[in-house]
């Protein structure tokens, strides 16, 4: 069997000793972290990857059935933690990448000292009266139908919605092209699993302290969903960035770095 590091196109950067495992979100790859890396490389051993089916991950890494769910991708992260003998790492995951890292931490809690989840959610679908995920069944059905019928229009629409007030022409083009670079047969089933799924029941299984980072105005993940994570994860903290959009690592990396500074262990051996 091929090395999981090859399969997931693992690359390492940085000059620090503390491992920082970066897991990208839906429709992206490890290059989505590009603008954030200069703020982190002095203090961390940065470990980047492309989830199966994304970026430059090996074609043979992708299993259509297993990788149609976040749990399947979490299995890969567990395998990677074992291959790298990770211990006491920080996990930085964006959106569904944060959920994937959270699921991996349940299986390998010793691999992580801290989970950092940026614009992540345990459930995107509203569950009234007590839970607001941000979307009704009709809204998600419409999004899924557009994705099935016109992938190009779907990519353009979601890019604008996800960037929100942080949108610029260049950011919209960048994000749209990222979506379009992923094969529809990879994104469609995973999108359905993500948007209609529910990981709230897993939160009580997490034993690693966590930091939830949320932008103040995110059309994909409402603040209530981030507050739910903070309320139901052990030893958790919520940091709200005074910025907009679902992709702060693309649109405001300096503010994201400042938000992390002081809240996350930034030097080896420092509590």
Protein backbone atom coordinates (compact mmCIF):
# COMPACT_ATOMS: atom_id res chain seq x y z
CA UNK A 1 0.00 0.00 0.00
CA UNK A 2 1.27 3.49 -0.84
CA UNK A 3 2.46 5.73 1.97
CA UNK A 4 -0.38 7.93 3.24
CA UNK A 5 2.02 10.89 3.09
CA UNK A 6 2.33 10.39 -0.66
CA UNK A 7 -1.37 9.74 -1.13
CA UNK A 8 -2.33 13.01 0.58
CA UNK A 9 0.53 15.04 -0.97
CA UNK A 10 1.91 15.97 2.45
CA UNK A 11 4.33 18.90 2.49
CA UNK A 12 6.16 20.44 5.43
CA UNK A 13 7.26 24.02 6.01
CA UNK A 14 8.30 26.24 8.88
CA UNK A 15 11.15 26.49 11.35
CA UNK A 16 9.40 25.73 14.64
CA UNK A 17 9.22 22.50 16.61
CA UNK A 18 5.52 22.35 17.50
CA UNK A 19 3.67 20.39 14.81
CA UNK A 20 0.72 22.23 13.27
CA UNK A 21 -1.48 20.07 11.06
CA UNK A 22 -3.51 22.17 8.62
CA UNK A 23 -6.66 20.61 7.13
CA UNK A 24 -8.30 22.57 4.33
CA UNK A 25 -12.03 22.93 3.86
CA UNK A 26 -14.61 22.04 1.24
CA UNK A 27 -13.64 22.69 -2.36
CA UNK A 28 -10.06 23.72 -1.57
CA UNK A 29 -6.61 22.22 -1.14
CA UNK A 30 -3.51 23.01 0.89
CA UNK A 31 -2.77 26.13 -1.20
CA UNK A 32 -5.74 27.81 0.49
CA UNK A 33 -3.41 28.35 3.49
CA UNK A 34 -0.76 30.08 1.36
CA UNK A 35 -1.37 33.63 2.63
CA UNK A 36 -1.49 32.52 6.28
CA UNK A 37 1.75 30.51 6.29
CA UNK A 38 4.19 33.45 6.58
CA UNK A 39 2.61 34.36 9.93
CA UNK A 40 3.10 30.83 11.29
CA UNK A 41 6.32 29.47 9.82
CA UNK A 42 8.66 30.92 12.46
CA UNK A 43 6.92 29.13 15.32
CA UNK A 44 5.63 25.86 13.88
CA UNK A 45 6.48 22.76 11.96
CA UNK A 46 3.72 23.20 9.42
CA UNK A 47 2.23 20.00 8.00
CA UNK A 48 -0.05 20.53 5.00
CA UNK A 49 -2.03 18.01 2.97
CA UNK A 50 -4.60 17.63 0.24
CA UNK A 51 -7.63 15.58 1.23
CA UNK A 52 -8.35 12.63 -1.07
CA UNK A 53 -9.93 13.85 -4.29
CA UNK A 54 -8.60 17.40 -3.85
CA UNK A 55 -5.57 19.31 -5.05
CA UNK A 56 -2.58 17.12 -5.81
CA UNK A 57 -3.65 14.14 -3.71
CA UNK A 58 -2.79 10.92 -5.55
CA UNK A 59 -5.70 9.68 -7.70
CA UNK A 60 -5.50 6.28 -6.04
CA UNK A 61 -6.09 7.91 -2.65
CA UNK A 62 -9.73 8.56 -3.50
CA UNK A 63 -12.44 6.03 -2.72
CA UNK A 64 -15.85 7.23 -3.96
CA UNK A 65 -17.77 5.53 -1.17
CA UNK A 66 -15.47 6.19 1.77
CA UNK A 67 -14.63 9.78 0.86
CA UNK A 68 -18.27 10.76 0.36
CA UNK A 69 -18.37 11.51 4.11
CA UNK A 70 -16.19 13.53 6.53
CA UNK A 71 -15.70 10.33 8.54
CA UNK A 72 -13.90 8.71 5.62
CA UNK A 73 -11.50 11.64 5.39
CA UNK A 74 -10.99 11.51 9.16
CA UNK A 75 -9.77 7.92 8.76
CA UNK A 76 -7.04 9.25 6.48
CA UNK A 77 -6.03 11.86 9.05
CA UNK A 78 -5.78 9.15 11.70
CA UNK A 79 -3.53 7.13 9.37
CA UNK A 80 -1.42 10.22 8.73
CA UNK A 81 -1.06 10.92 12.46
CA UNK A 82 0.21 7.35 12.89
CA UNK A 83 2.61 7.61 9.94
CA UNK A 84 4.07 10.85 11.28
CA UNK A 85 4.04 9.64 14.91
CA UNK A 86 2.29 12.87 15.80
CA UNK A 87 2.04 13.70 19.46
CA UNK A 88 0.93 16.97 21.01
CA UNK A 89 0.24 18.67 17.68
CA UNK A 90 -2.07 21.58 17.04
CA UNK A 91 -4.80 20.92 14.48
CA UNK A 92 -5.90 23.90 12.40
CA UNK A 93 -8.93 23.02 10.30
CA UNK A 94 -11.11 25.22 8.15
CA UNK A 95 -14.85 24.57 7.85
CA UNK A 96 -15.38 20.84 7.26
CA UNK A 97 -11.61 20.43 7.72
CA UNK A 98 -12.14 21.36 11.36
CA UNK A 99 -14.82 18.70 11.70
CA UNK A 100 -12.57 16.12 10.04
CA UNK A 101 -9.78 16.96 12.49
CA UNK A 102 -12.22 16.80 15.40
CA UNK A 103 -13.33 13.30 14.36
CA UNK A 104 -9.69 12.21 14.00
CA UNK A 105 -8.94 13.48 17.51
CA UNK A 106 -11.55 11.14 18.97
CA UNK A 107 -9.61 8.19 17.58
CA UNK A 108 -6.13 9.64 18.34
CA UNK A 109 -6.46 12.13 21.21
CA UNK A 110 -2.77 11.79 22.08
CA UNK A 111 -1.83 13.19 18.66
CA UNK A 112 -3.23 16.62 19.52
CA UNK A 113 -2.79 19.19 22.24
CA UNK A 114 -5.30 21.66 20.75
CA UNK A 115 -7.95 21.73 18.06
CA UNK A 116 -8.49 24.99 16.22
CA UNK A 117 -11.66 25.08 14.13
CA UNK A 118 -12.13 28.04 11.79
CA UNK A 119 -15.70 28.69 10.58
CA UNK A 120 -16.72 25.11 11.37
CA UNK A 121 -20.15 23.72 12.18
CA UNK A 122 -21.56 20.54 13.68
CA UNK A 123 -24.74 20.85 11.58
CA UNK A 124 -25.69 23.22 8.74
CA UNK A 125 -29.38 22.33 8.77
CA UNK A 126 -31.70 24.12 11.19
CA UNK A 127 -33.17 21.89 13.90
CA UNK A 128 -35.89 24.03 15.49
CA UNK A 129 -36.61 25.14 18.06
CA UNK A 130 -33.24 24.74 19.76
CA UNK A 131 -30.62 24.71 17.01
CA UNK A 132 -29.85 27.14 14.18
CA UNK A 133 -27.46 25.81 11.59
CA UNK A 134 -28.23 28.51 9.07
CA UNK A 135 -30.22 26.62 6.43
CA UNK A 136 -33.68 25.18 5.94
CA UNK A 137 -34.34 21.93 4.07
CA UNK A 138 -35.65 23.91 1.09
CA UNK A 139 -32.53 26.08 0.92
CA UNK A 140 -30.18 23.11 0.99
CA UNK A 141 -32.28 21.19 -1.53
CA UNK A 142 -32.04 24.20 -3.86
CA UNK A 143 -28.28 24.37 -3.43
CA UNK A 144 -27.92 20.66 -4.15
CA UNK A 145 -30.17 20.89 -7.22
CA UNK A 146 -28.12 23.75 -8.64
CA UNK A 147 -24.96 21.74 -8.05
CA UNK A 148 -26.45 18.81 -9.99
CA UNK A 149 -27.88 20.86 -12.85
CA UNK A 150 -25.28 23.58 -13.43
CA UNK A 151 -21.94 23.06 -11.73
CA UNK A 152 -20.50 26.28 -13.15
CA UNK A 153 -23.36 28.44 -11.85
CA UNK A 154 -23.23 26.64 -8.51
CA UNK A 155 -19.52 27.40 -8.12
CA UNK A 156 -20.05 31.08 -8.91
CA UNK A 157 -23.06 31.41 -6.61
CA UNK A 158 -21.44 29.66 -3.66
CA UNK A 159 -18.25 31.71 -4.06
CA UNK A 160 -20.18 34.98 -3.75
CA UNK A 161 -22.28 33.76 -0.83
CA UNK A 162 -19.30 32.30 1.05
CA UNK A 163 -17.14 35.41 0.71
CA UNK A 164 -19.97 37.78 1.60
CA UNK A 165 -18.81 41.28 2.54
CA UNK A 166 -15.19 40.20 2.09
CA UNK A 167 -15.72 39.51 -1.61
CA UNK A 168 -13.56 41.15 -4.24
CA UNK A 169 -13.37 40.23 -7.90
CA UNK A 170 -10.03 38.49 -7.38
CA UNK A 171 -11.22 36.58 -4.31
CA UNK A 172 -14.39 35.46 -6.09
CA UNK A 173 -12.38 34.28 -9.08
CA UNK A 174 -9.89 32.46 -6.84
CA UNK A 175 -12.57 30.62 -4.87
CA UNK A 176 -14.70 29.80 -7.92
CA UNK A 177 -11.68 28.33 -9.70
CA UNK A 178 -10.85 26.24 -6.63
CA UNK A 179 -14.35 24.75 -6.67
CA UNK A 180 -14.20 24.09 -10.41
CA UNK A 181 -10.80 22.39 -10.07
CA UNK A 182 -12.43 19.56 -8.10
CA UNK A 183 -14.26 16.88 -10.05
CA UNK A 184 -18.06 17.04 -9.57
CA UNK A 185 -18.15 13.35 -8.66
CA UNK A 186 -15.88 14.19 -5.71
CA UNK A 187 -17.70 17.30 -4.50
CA UNK A 188 -21.36 16.40 -5.02
CA UNK A 189 -21.69 13.43 -2.65
CA UNK A 190 -19.44 15.06 -0.07
CA UNK A 191 -21.47 18.29 -0.23
CA UNK A 192 -24.67 16.36 0.40
CA UNK A 193 -23.09 14.53 3.34
CA UNK A 194 -21.76 17.77 4.81
CA UNK A 195 -24.81 19.98 4.40
CA UNK A 196 -27.35 17.36 5.42
CA UNK A 197 -25.19 15.63 8.03
CA UNK A 198 -25.05 16.01 11.79
CA UNK A 199 -21.95 15.57 13.98
CA UNK A 200 -23.41 17.07 17.15
CA UNK A 201 -23.51 13.65 18.81
CA UNK A 202 -19.71 13.36 18.48
CA UNK A 203 -18.90 16.52 20.40
CA UNK A 204 -19.15 14.87 23.82
CA UNK A 205 -16.55 12.29 22.69
CA UNK A 206 -13.86 14.93 22.16
CA UNK A 207 -11.26 15.15 24.94
CA UNK A 208 -8.81 17.63 23.38
CA UNK A 209 -9.16 21.35 24.26
CA UNK A 210 -10.41 23.44 21.37
CA UNK A 211 -10.51 26.97 20.01
CA UNK A 212 -13.42 27.90 17.77
CA UNK A 213 -12.65 30.85 15.50
CA UNK A 214 -15.59 32.47 13.75
CA UNK A 215 -15.96 35.57 11.60
CA UNK A 216 -18.62 37.99 12.76
CA UNK A 217 -20.50 37.83 9.45
CA UNK A 218 -20.45 34.41 7.81
CA UNK A 219 -23.34 33.45 5.51
CA UNK A 220 -22.32 29.77 5.64
CA UNK A 221 -21.94 29.35 9.41
CA UNK A 222 -23.99 31.63 11.69
CA UNK A 223 -22.55 32.72 15.01
CA UNK A 224 -25.13 30.55 16.79
CA UNK A 225 -23.54 27.43 15.28
CA UNK A 226 -20.11 28.48 16.54
CA UNK A 227 -21.58 29.19 19.97
CA UNK A 228 -23.11 25.71 19.96
CA UNK A 229 -19.68 24.18 19.33
CA UNK A 230 -18.18 26.20 22.17
CA UNK A 231 -20.97 25.18 24.55
CA UNK A 232 -20.69 21.47 23.77
CA UNK A 233 -16.94 20.91 23.37
CA UNK A 234 -14.86 20.40 26.54
CA UNK A 235 -12.32 23.07 27.49
CA UNK A 236 -13.33 25.20 24.54
CA UNK A 237 -12.99 28.90 23.74
CA UNK A 238 -14.74 30.99 21.11
CA UNK A 239 -12.92 33.83 19.36
CA UNK A 240 -14.98 36.04 17.04
CA UNK A 241 -13.08 37.91 14.33
CA UNK A 242 -14.41 41.34 13.41
CA UNK A 243 -14.43 40.45 9.74
CA UNK A 244 -16.70 38.88 7.16
CA UNK A 245 -16.84 35.78 5.02
CA UNK A 246 -16.30 32.07 5.36
CA UNK A 247 -12.67 32.01 4.16
CA UNK A 248 -10.61 34.35 6.41
CA UNK A 249 -7.38 32.54 5.50
CA UNK A 250 -7.92 33.84 1.95
CA UNK A 251 -9.42 37.26 2.67
CA UNK A 252 -7.87 38.38 5.99
CA UNK A 253 -4.94 36.12 6.93
CA UNK A 254 -3.22 38.72 9.10
CA UNK A 255 -6.27 39.16 11.33
CA UNK A 256 -6.69 35.40 11.52
CA UNK A 257 -3.05 35.06 12.60
CA UNK A 258 -3.53 37.74 15.27
CA UNK A 259 -6.65 35.94 16.50
CA UNK A 260 -4.65 32.75 16.92
CA UNK A 261 -1.69 34.51 18.55
CA UNK A 262 -1.79 34.10 22.31
CA UNK A 263 -4.74 31.69 22.20
CA UNK A 264 -2.79 28.77 20.75
CA UNK A 265 0.53 27.33 21.88
CA UNK A 266 3.00 29.02 19.55
CA UNK A 267 6.29 27.69 20.84
CA UNK A 268 7.26 24.14 21.71
CA UNK A 269 6.89 23.41 25.40
CA UNK A 270 4.97 26.60 26.13
CA UNK A 271 1.55 26.05 27.78
